[in-house]
Amino acid sequence: MEKTREIAGICSTCNHLKDCLHRLCNGHVIWFCEQFDDYVPPKPQTSATVLKMTANPGNQEGYMGLCVNCEHRAECIHSKTPGGIWHCEEYR
């Protein structure tokens, strides 16, 4: 039974390991090779969930953000800000 040589050097991570003639013809550990390739394609990134900011359909006044259910929205000067208010010290 033939013993298999342990793969050492840069060959252990090369994509051409199975079909490399240089490794088979060379009897020593290889530390440099012009055909060395260990590229692994990056994993596809999952897209972030994008939330569309829309006014509440049941809200006839057009309030957005925290103003939709704030007790002070009728007298607040910021309640009709385009895009809505998403942080407010006066919110109740």
PDB file of N, CA and C in Angstrom:
ATOM      1  N   MET A   1       0.847  -1.169   0.000  1.00  0.00           N
ATOM      2  CA  MET A   1       0.000   0.000   0.000  1.00  0.00           C
ATOM      3  C   MET A   1       0.898   1.239   0.000  1.00  0.00           C
ATOM      4  N   GLU A   2       0.549   2.229  -0.844  1.00  0.00           N
ATOM      5  CA  GLU A   2       1.362   3.426  -0.971  1.00  0.00           C
ATOM      6  C   GLU A   2       0.952   4.459   0.060  1.00  0.00           C
ATOM      7  N   LYS A   3       1.938   5.035   0.741  1.00  0.00           N
ATOM      8  CA  LYS A   3       1.648   6.082   1.724  1.00  0.00           C
ATOM      9  C   LYS A   3       1.500   7.410   0.992  1.00  0.00           C
ATOM     10  N   THR A   4       0.534   8.189   1.410  1.00  0.00           N
ATOM     11  CA  THR A   4       0.361   9.508   0.810  1.00  0.00           C
ATOM     12  C   THR A   4       1.192  10.506   1.597  1.00  0.00           C
ATOM     13  N   ARG A   5       1.853  11.409   0.856  1.00  0.00           N
ATOM     14  CA  ARG A   5       2.655  12.429   1.520  1.00  0.00           C
ATOM     15  C   ARG A   5       1.738  13.464   2.154  1.00  0.00           C
ATOM     16  N   GLU A   6       2.141  13.927   3.312  1.00  0.00           N
ATOM     17  CA  GLU A   6       1.390  14.991   3.965  1.00  0.00           C
ATOM     18  C   GLU A   6       1.656  16.281   3.204  1.00  0.00           C
ATOM     19  N   ILE A   7       0.612  17.033   2.919  1.00  0.00           N
ATOM     20  CA  ILE A   7       0.746  18.261   2.153  1.00  0.00           C
ATOM     21  C   ILE A   7       1.198  19.367   3.095  1.00  0.00           C
ATOM     22  N   ALA A   8       2.300  20.034   2.725  1.00  0.00           N
ATOM     23  CA  ALA A   8       2.848  21.101   3.554  1.00  0.00           C
ATOM     24  C   ALA A   8       3.110  22.322   2.689  1.00  0.00           C
ATOM     25  N   GLY A   9       3.520  23.409   3.329  1.00  0.00           N
ATOM     26  CA  GLY A   9       3.801  24.630   2.602  1.00  0.00           C
ATOM     27  C   GLY A   9       2.527  25.300   2.130  1.00  0.00           C
ATOM     28  N   ILE A  10       2.654  26.057   1.051  1.00  0.00           N
ATOM     29  CA  ILE A  10       1.480  26.783   0.560  1.00  0.00           C
ATOM     30  C   ILE A  10       0.533  25.890  -0.224  1.00  0.00           C
ATOM     31  N   CYS A  11       0.972  24.708  -0.580  1.00  0.00           N
ATOM     32  CA  CYS A  11       0.122  23.790  -1.348  1.00  0.00           C
ATOM     33  C   CYS A  11      -1.128  23.360  -0.571  1.00  0.00           C
ATOM     34  N   SER A  12      -1.058  23.369   0.744  1.00  0.00           N
ATOM     35  CA  SER A  12      -2.180  22.887   1.549  1.00  0.00           C
ATOM     36  C   SER A  12      -3.422  23.766   1.402  1.00  0.00           C
ATOM     37  N   THR A  13      -3.250  25.030   0.975  1.00  0.00           N
ATOM     38  CA  THR A  13      -4.409  25.919   0.819  1.00  0.00           C
ATOM     39  C   THR A  13      -4.638  26.361  -0.622  1.00  0.00           C
ATOM     40  N   CYS A  14      -3.905  25.784  -1.559  1.00  0.00           N
ATOM     41  CA  CYS A  14      -4.008  26.196  -2.954  1.00  0.00           C
ATOM     42  C   CYS A  14      -5.207  25.535  -3.644  1.00  0.00           C
ATOM     43  N   ASN A  15      -5.889  26.310  -4.476  1.00  0.00           N
ATOM     44  CA  ASN A  15      -7.031  25.782  -5.223  1.00  0.00           C
ATOM     45  C   ASN A  15      -6.617  24.814  -6.323  1.00  0.00           C
ATOM     46  N   HIS A  16      -5.354  24.824  -6.723  1.00  0.00           N
ATOM     47  CA  HIS A  16      -4.861  23.953  -7.788  1.00  0.00           C
ATOM     48  C   HIS A  16      -4.205  22.678  -7.240  1.00  0.00           C
ATOM     49  N   LEU A  17      -4.435  22.345  -6.013  1.00  0.00           N
ATOM     50  CA  LEU A  17      -3.772  21.215  -5.358  1.00  0.00           C
ATOM     51  C   LEU A  17      -3.954  19.907  -6.127  1.00  0.00           C
ATOM     52  N   LYS A  18      -5.157  19.613  -6.564  1.00  0.00           N
ATOM     53  CA  LYS A  18      -5.434  18.324  -7.196  1.00  0.00           C
ATOM     54  C   LYS A  18      -4.796  18.166  -8.569  1.00  0.00           C
ATOM     55  N   ASP A  19      -4.641  19.267  -9.299  1.00  0.00           N
ATOM     56  CA  ASP A  19      -4.104  19.162 -10.652  1.00  0.00           C
ATOM     57  C   ASP A  19      -2.740  19.848 -10.821  1.00  0.00           C
ATOM     58  N   CYS A  20      -1.993  20.007  -9.749  1.00  0.00           N
ATOM     59  CA  CYS A  20      -0.711  20.711  -9.801  1.00  0.00           C
ATOM     60  C   CYS A  20       0.431  19.753 -10.176  1.00  0.00           C
ATOM     61  N   LEU A  21       1.062  20.014 -11.304  1.00  0.00           N
ATOM     62  CA  LEU A  21       2.205  19.196 -11.729  1.00  0.00           C
ATOM     63  C   LEU A  21       3.485  19.626 -11.027  1.00  0.00           C
ATOM     64  N   HIS A  22       3.578  20.881 -10.659  1.00  0.00           N
ATOM     65  CA  HIS A  22       4.770  21.401  -9.982  1.00  0.00           C
ATOM     66  C   HIS A  22       4.992  20.683  -8.644  1.00  0.00           C
ATOM     67  N   ARG A  23       3.916  20.477  -7.918  1.00  0.00           N
ATOM     68  CA  ARG A  23       4.009  19.814  -6.611  1.00  0.00           C
ATOM     69  C   ARG A  23       4.401  18.359  -6.767  1.00  0.00           C
ATOM     70  N   LEU A  24       3.874  17.704  -7.794  1.00  0.00           N
ATOM     71  CA  LEU A  24       4.170  16.290  -7.996  1.00  0.00           C
ATOM     72  C   LEU A  24       5.616  16.063  -8.459  1.00  0.00           C
ATOM     73  N   CYS A  25       6.154  17.007  -9.236  1.00  0.00           N
ATOM     74  CA  CYS A  25       7.517  16.869  -9.758  1.00  0.00           C
ATOM     75  C   CYS A  25       8.570  17.343  -8.762  1.00  0.00           C
ATOM     76  N   ASN A  26       8.171  18.104  -7.788  1.00  0.00           N
ATOM     77  CA  ASN A  26       9.097  18.680  -6.833  1.00  0.00           C
ATOM     78  C   ASN A  26       9.038  17.864  -5.543  1.00  0.00           C
ATOM     79  N   GLY A  27      10.157  17.451  -5.027  1.00  0.00           N
ATOM     80  CA  GLY A  27      10.154  16.587  -3.847  1.00  0.00           C
ATOM     81  C   GLY A  27      10.212  17.315  -2.522  1.00  0.00           C
ATOM     82  N   HIS A  28      10.276  18.644  -2.528  1.00  0.00           N
ATOM     83  CA  HIS A  28      10.391  19.363  -1.255  1.00  0.00           C
ATOM     84  C   HIS A  28       9.198  20.298  -1.036  1.00  0.00           C
ATOM     85  N   VAL A  29       9.129  20.863   0.163  1.00  0.00           N
ATOM     86  CA  VAL A  29       8.031  21.758   0.531  1.00  0.00           C
ATOM     87  C   VAL A  29       8.128  23.041  -0.292  1.00  0.00           C
ATOM     88  N   ILE A  30       7.003  23.493  -0.809  1.00  0.00           N
ATOM     89  CA  ILE A  30       6.958  24.680  -1.655  1.00  0.00           C
ATOM     90  C   ILE A  30       6.464  25.871  -0.836  1.00  0.00           C
ATOM     91  N   TRP A  31       7.268  26.946  -0.861  1.00  0.00           N
ATOM     92  CA  TRP A  31       6.897  28.165  -0.140  1.00  0.00           C
ATOM     93  C   TRP A  31       6.612  29.325  -1.084  1.00  0.00           C
ATOM     94  N   PHE A  32       6.892  29.172  -2.372  1.00  0.00           N
ATOM     95  CA  PHE A  32       6.569  30.183  -3.367  1.00  0.00           C
ATOM     96  C   PHE A  32       6.180  29.483  -4.654  1.00  0.00           C
ATOM     97  N   CYS A  33       5.110  29.954  -5.272  1.00  0.00           N
ATOM     98  CA  CYS A  33       4.654  29.389  -6.538  1.00  0.00           C
ATOM     99  C   CYS A  33       3.885  30.477  -7.285  1.00  0.00           C
ATOM    100  N   GLU A  34       4.212  30.673  -8.536  1.00  0.00           N
ATOM    101  CA  GLU A  34       3.534  31.693  -9.335  1.00  0.00           C
ATOM    102  C   GLU A  34       2.093  31.308  -9.664  1.00  0.00           C
ATOM    103  N   GLN A  35       1.762  30.060  -9.548  1.00  0.00           N
ATOM    104  CA  GLN A  35       0.400  29.600  -9.843  1.00  0.00           C
ATOM    105  C   GLN A  35      -0.451  29.456  -8.583  1.00  0.00           C
ATOM    106  N   PHE A  36       0.102  29.829  -7.434  1.00  0.00           N
ATOM    107  CA  PHE A  36      -0.624  29.714  -6.168  1.00  0.00           C
ATOM    108  C   PHE A  36      -1.899  30.543  -6.206  1.00  0.00           C
ATOM    109  N   ASP A  37      -2.991  29.941  -5.792  1.00  0.00           N
ATOM    110  CA  ASP A  37      -4.293  30.612  -5.772  1.00  0.00           C
ATOM    111  C   ASP A  37      -5.083  30.087  -4.588  1.00  0.00           C
ATOM    112  N   ASP A  38      -5.350  30.945  -3.639  1.00  0.00           N
ATOM    113  CA  ASP A  38      -6.168  30.535  -2.489  1.00  0.00           C
ATOM    114  C   ASP A  38      -7.414  31.408  -2.364  1.00  0.00           C
ATOM    115  N   TYR A  39      -7.834  31.977  -3.490  1.00  0.00           N
ATOM    116  CA  TYR A  39      -8.992  32.855  -3.488  1.00  0.00           C
ATOM    117  C   TYR A  39     -10.267  32.097  -3.140  1.00  0.00           C
ATOM    118  N   VAL A  40     -11.033  32.669  -2.235  1.00  0.00           N
ATOM    119  CA  VAL A  40     -12.347  32.146  -1.868  1.00  0.00           C
ATOM    120  C   VAL A  40     -13.323  33.297  -2.069  1.00  0.00           C
ATOM    121  N   PRO A  41     -14.335  33.123  -2.920  1.00  0.00           N
ATOM    122  CA  PRO A  41     -15.277  34.222  -3.145  1.00  0.00           C
ATOM    123  C   PRO A  41     -15.970  34.615  -1.844  1.00  0.00           C
ATOM    124  N   PRO A  42     -16.185  35.920  -1.637  1.00  0.00           N
ATOM    125  CA  PRO A  42     -16.851  36.357  -0.408  1.00  0.00           C
ATOM    126  C   PRO A  42     -18.292  35.869  -0.367  1.00  0.00           C
ATOM    127  N   LYS A  43     -18.761  35.665   0.833  1.00  0.00           N
ATOM    128  CA  LYS A  43     -20.148  35.243   1.010  1.00  0.00           C
ATOM    129  C   LYS A  43     -21.058  36.397   0.620  1.00  0.00           C
ATOM    130  N   PRO A  44     -22.178  36.094  -0.030  1.00  0.00           N
ATOM    131  CA  PRO A  44     -23.091  37.181  -0.404  1.00  0.00           C
ATOM    132  C   PRO A  44     -23.659  37.849   0.844  1.00  0.00           C
ATOM    133  N   GLN A  45     -23.669  39.155   0.805  1.00  0.00           N
ATOM    134  CA  GLN A  45     -24.172  39.896   1.945  1.00  0.00           C
ATOM    135  C   GLN A  45     -25.690  39.951   1.874  1.00  0.00           C
ATOM    136  N   THR A  46     -26.310  39.802   3.022  1.00  0.00           N
ATOM    137  CA  THR A  46     -27.763  39.915   3.059  1.00  0.00           C
ATOM    138  C   THR A  46     -28.108  41.390   3.063  1.00  0.00           C
ATOM    139  N   SER A  47     -29.101  41.739   2.303  1.00  0.00           N
ATOM    140  CA  SER A  47     -29.480  43.144   2.232  1.00  0.00           C
ATOM    141  C   SER A  47     -30.229  43.538   3.494  1.00  0.00           C
ATOM    142  N   ALA A  48     -29.982  44.738   3.932  1.00  0.00           N
ATOM    143  CA  ALA A  48     -30.664  45.252   5.109  1.00  0.00           C
ATOM    144  C   ALA A  48     -32.124  45.526   4.754  1.00  0.00           C
ATOM    145  N   THR A  49     -32.969  45.329   5.705  1.00  0.00           N
ATOM    146  CA  THR A  49     -34.380  45.601   5.493  1.00  0.00           C
ATOM    147  C   THR A  49     -34.592  47.105   5.454  1.00  0.00           C
ATOM    148  N   VAL A  50     -35.224  47.569   4.421  1.00  0.00           N
ATOM    149  CA  VAL A  50     -35.497  48.990   4.275  1.00  0.00           C
ATOM    150  C   VAL A  50     -36.966  49.210   4.599  1.00  0.00           C
ATOM    151  N   LEU A  51     -37.184  50.068   5.548  1.00  0.00           N
ATOM    152  CA  LEU A  51     -38.551  50.384   5.932  1.00  0.00           C
ATOM    153  C   LEU A  51     -38.972  51.678   5.252  1.00  0.00           C
ATOM    154  N   LYS A  52     -40.087  51.629   4.594  1.00  0.00           N
ATOM    155  CA  LYS A  52     -40.593  52.820   3.917  1.00  0.00           C
ATOM    156  C   LYS A  52     -41.385  53.633   4.930  1.00  0.00           C
ATOM    157  N   MET A  53     -41.017  54.901   5.061  1.00  0.00           N
ATOM    158  CA  MET A  53     -41.723  55.765   6.005  1.00  0.00           C
ATOM    159  C   MET A  53     -42.951  56.327   5.317  1.00  0.00           C
ATOM    160  N   THR A  54     -44.087  55.944   5.823  1.00  0.00           N
ATOM    161  CA  THR A  54     -45.340  56.463   5.277  1.00  0.00           C
ATOM    162  C   THR A  54     -46.225  56.905   6.422  1.00  0.00           C
ATOM    163  N   ALA A  55     -47.114  57.766   6.112  1.00  0.00           N
ATOM    164  CA  ALA A  55     -48.059  58.219   7.122  1.00  0.00           C
ATOM    165  C   ALA A  55     -49.015  57.085   7.459  1.00  0.00           C
ATOM    166  N   ASN A  56     -49.510  57.095   8.645  1.00  0.00           N
ATOM    167  CA  ASN A  56     -50.476  56.111   9.091  1.00  0.00           C
ATOM    168  C   ASN A  56     -51.744  56.265   8.261  1.00  0.00           C
ATOM    169  N   PRO A  57     -52.239  55.190   7.572  1.00  0.00           N
ATOM    170  CA  PRO A  57     -53.418  55.328   6.721  1.00  0.00           C
ATOM    171  C   PRO A  57     -54.653  55.827   7.460  1.00  0.00           C
ATOM    172  N   GLY A  58     -54.779  55.504   8.732  1.00  0.00           N
ATOM    173  CA  GLY A  58     -55.929  55.956   9.501  1.00  0.00           C
ATOM    174  C   GLY A  58     -55.769  57.383   9.998  1.00  0.00           C
ATOM    175  N   ASN A  59     -54.622  57.983   9.766  1.00  0.00           N
ATOM    176  CA  ASN A  59     -54.319  59.312  10.256  1.00  0.00           C
ATOM    177  C   ASN A  59     -54.630  60.330   9.163  1.00  0.00           C
ATOM    178  N   GLN A  60     -55.705  61.058   9.270  1.00  0.00           N
ATOM    179  CA  GLN A  60     -56.137  61.991   8.233  1.00  0.00           C
ATOM    180  C   GLN A  60     -55.365  63.312   8.245  1.00  0.00           C
ATOM    181  N   GLU A  61     -54.721  63.669   9.349  1.00  0.00           N
ATOM    182  CA  GLU A  61     -54.015  64.945   9.434  1.00  0.00           C
ATOM    183  C   GLU A  61     -52.631  64.895   8.804  1.00  0.00           C
ATOM    184  N   GLY A  62     -52.085  63.728   8.486  1.00  0.00           N
ATOM    185  CA  GLY A  62     -50.770  63.616   7.860  1.00  0.00           C
ATOM    186  C   GLY A  62     -49.607  63.616   8.829  1.00  0.00           C
ATOM    187  N   TYR A  63     -49.847  63.326  10.088  1.00  0.00           N
ATOM    188  CA  TYR A  63     -48.750  63.259  11.054  1.00  0.00           C
ATOM    189  C   TYR A  63     -47.892  62.023  10.781  1.00  0.00           C
ATOM    190  N   MET A  64     -46.595  62.141  11.072  1.00  0.00           N
ATOM    191  CA  MET A  64     -45.679  61.005  10.909  1.00  0.00           C
ATOM    192  C   MET A  64     -44.823  60.876  12.158  1.00  0.00           C
ATOM    193  N   GLY A  65     -44.177  59.712  12.297  1.00  0.00           N
ATOM    194  CA  GLY A  65     -43.252  59.487  13.409  1.00  0.00           C
ATOM    195  C   GLY A  65     -43.960  59.443  14.743  1.00  0.00           C
ATOM    196  N   LEU A  66     -43.330  60.041  15.741  1.00  0.00           N
ATOM    197  CA  LEU A  66     -43.895  60.037  17.090  1.00  0.00           C
ATOM    198  C   LEU A  66     -45.162  60.876  17.192  1.00  0.00           C
ATOM    199  N   CYS A  67     -45.309  61.823  16.290  1.00  0.00           N
ATOM    200  CA  CYS A  67     -46.453  62.744  16.337  1.00  0.00           C
ATOM    201  C   CYS A  67     -47.789  62.043  16.091  1.00  0.00           C
ATOM    202  N   VAL A  68     -47.773  60.880  15.492  1.00  0.00           N
ATOM    203  CA  VAL A  68     -48.999  60.163  15.164  1.00  0.00           C
ATOM    204  C   VAL A  68     -49.868  59.949  16.398  1.00  0.00           C
ATOM    205  N   ASN A  69     -49.247  59.618  17.525  1.00  0.00           N
ATOM    206  CA  ASN A  69     -50.053  59.370  18.718  1.00  0.00           C
ATOM    207  C   ASN A  69     -49.615  60.205  19.921  1.00  0.00           C
ATOM    208  N   CYS A  70     -48.965  61.340  19.675  1.00  0.00           N
ATOM    209  CA  CYS A  70     -48.523  62.216  20.761  1.00  0.00           C
ATOM    210  C   CYS A  70     -49.688  63.079  21.252  1.00  0.00           C
ATOM    211  N   GLU A  71     -49.770  63.288  22.556  1.00  0.00           N
ATOM    212  CA  GLU A  71     -50.829  64.103  23.140  1.00  0.00           C
ATOM    213  C   GLU A  71     -50.677  65.588  22.791  1.00  0.00           C
ATOM    214  N   HIS A  72     -49.456  66.037  22.481  1.00  0.00           N
ATOM    215  CA  HIS A  72     -49.189  67.454  22.228  1.00  0.00           C
ATOM    216  C   HIS A  72     -49.136  67.818  20.744  1.00  0.00           C
ATOM    217  N   ARG A  73     -49.515  66.920  19.858  1.00  0.00           N
ATOM    218  CA  ARG A  73     -49.334  67.173  18.425  1.00  0.00           C
ATOM    219  C   ARG A  73     -50.144  68.351  17.898  1.00  0.00           C
ATOM    220  N   ALA A  74     -51.284  68.660  18.492  1.00  0.00           N
ATOM    221  CA  ALA A  74     -52.119  69.757  18.005  1.00  0.00           C
ATOM    222  C   ALA A  74     -51.447  71.117  18.197  1.00  0.00           C
ATOM    223  N   GLU A  75     -50.738  71.321  19.281  1.00  0.00           N
ATOM    224  CA  GLU A  75     -50.110  72.613  19.551  1.00  0.00           C
ATOM    225  C   GLU A  75     -48.601  72.639  19.277  1.00  0.00           C
ATOM    226  N   CYS A  76     -48.014  71.536  18.856  1.00  0.00           N
ATOM    227  CA  CYS A  76     -46.571  71.443  18.622  1.00  0.00           C
ATOM    228  C   CYS A  76     -46.193  72.038  17.265  1.00  0.00           C
ATOM    229  N   ILE A  77     -45.090  72.818  17.232  1.00  0.00           N
ATOM    230  CA  ILE A  77     -44.659  73.426  15.971  1.00  0.00           C
ATOM    231  C   ILE A  77     -43.878  72.434  15.096  1.00  0.00           C
ATOM    232  N   HIS A  78     -43.456  71.321  15.650  1.00  0.00           N
ATOM    233  CA  HIS A  78     -42.669  70.337  14.904  1.00  0.00           C
ATOM    234  C   HIS A  78     -43.500  69.178  14.358  1.00  0.00           C
ATOM    235  N   SER A  79     -44.774  69.120  14.661  1.00  0.00           N
ATOM    236  CA  SER A  79     -45.583  67.954  14.318  1.00  0.00           C
ATOM    237  C   SER A  79     -45.770  67.736  12.817  1.00  0.00           C
ATOM    238  N   LYS A  80     -45.637  68.758  11.996  1.00  0.00           N
ATOM    239  CA  LYS A  80     -45.816  68.613  10.548  1.00  0.00           C
ATOM    240  C   LYS A  80     -44.480  68.613   9.802  1.00  0.00           C
ATOM    241  N   THR A  81     -43.381  68.326  10.487  1.00  0.00           N
ATOM    242  CA  THR A  81     -42.070  68.291   9.859  1.00  0.00           C
ATOM    243  C   THR A  81     -42.031  67.192   8.799  1.00  0.00           C
ATOM    244  N   PRO A  82     -41.555  67.499   7.573  1.00  0.00           N
ATOM    245  CA  PRO A  82     -41.471  66.463   6.527  1.00  0.00           C
ATOM    246  C   PRO A  82     -40.610  65.284   6.998  1.00  0.00           C
ATOM    247  N   GLY A  83     -41.088  64.075   6.840  1.00  0.00           N
ATOM    248  CA  GLY A  83     -40.370  62.884   7.276  1.00  0.00           C
ATOM    249  C   GLY A  83     -40.714  62.489   8.695  1.00  0.00           C
ATOM    250  N   GLY A  84     -41.350  63.357   9.429  1.00  0.00           N
ATOM    251  CA  GLY A  84     -41.770  63.053  10.786  1.00  0.00           C
ATOM    252  C   GLY A  84     -40.670  63.283  11.819  1.00  0.00           C
ATOM    253  N   ILE A  85     -41.067  63.338  13.073  1.00  0.00           N
ATOM    254  CA  ILE A  85     -40.151  63.483  14.204  1.00  0.00           C
ATOM    255  C   ILE A  85     -39.977  62.103  14.831  1.00  0.00           C
ATOM    256  N   TRP A  86     -38.715  61.699  15.020  1.00  0.00           N
ATOM    257  CA  TRP A  86     -38.439  60.354  15.537  1.00  0.00           C
ATOM    258  C   TRP A  86     -37.723  60.379  16.882  1.00  0.00           C
ATOM    259  N   HIS A  87     -37.422  61.581  17.376  1.00  0.00           N
ATOM    260  CA  HIS A  87     -36.854  61.744  18.711  1.00  0.00           C
ATOM    261  C   HIS A  87     -37.371  63.076  19.245  1.00  0.00           C
ATOM    262  N   CYS A  88     -38.031  63.049  20.365  1.00  0.00           N
ATOM    263  CA  CYS A  88     -38.621  64.278  20.894  1.00  0.00           C
ATOM    264  C   CYS A  88     -38.676  64.205  22.413  1.00  0.00           C
ATOM    265  N   GLU A  89     -38.216  65.294  23.068  1.00  0.00           N
ATOM    266  CA  GLU A  89     -38.232  65.346  24.522  1.00  0.00           C
ATOM    267  C   GLU A  89     -39.632  65.654  25.049  1.00  0.00           C
ATOM    268  N   GLU A  90     -40.498  66.183  24.214  1.00  0.00           N
ATOM    269  CA  GLU A  90     -41.849  66.559  24.613  1.00  0.00           C
ATOM    270  C   GLU A  90     -42.891  65.460  24.356  1.00  0.00           C
ATOM    271  N   TYR A  91     -42.473  64.341  23.827  1.00  0.00           N
ATOM    272  CA  TYR A  91     -43.411  63.271  23.431  1.00  0.00           C
ATOM    273  C   TYR A  91     -44.131  62.698  24.631  1.00  0.00           C
ATOM    274  N   ARG A  92     -45.443  62.546  24.515  1.00  0.00           N
ATOM    275  CA  ARG A  92     -46.265  61.883  25.534  1.00  0.00           C
ATOM    276  C   ARG A  92     -47.366  61.102  24.869  1.00  0.00           C
TER     277      ARG A  92
END
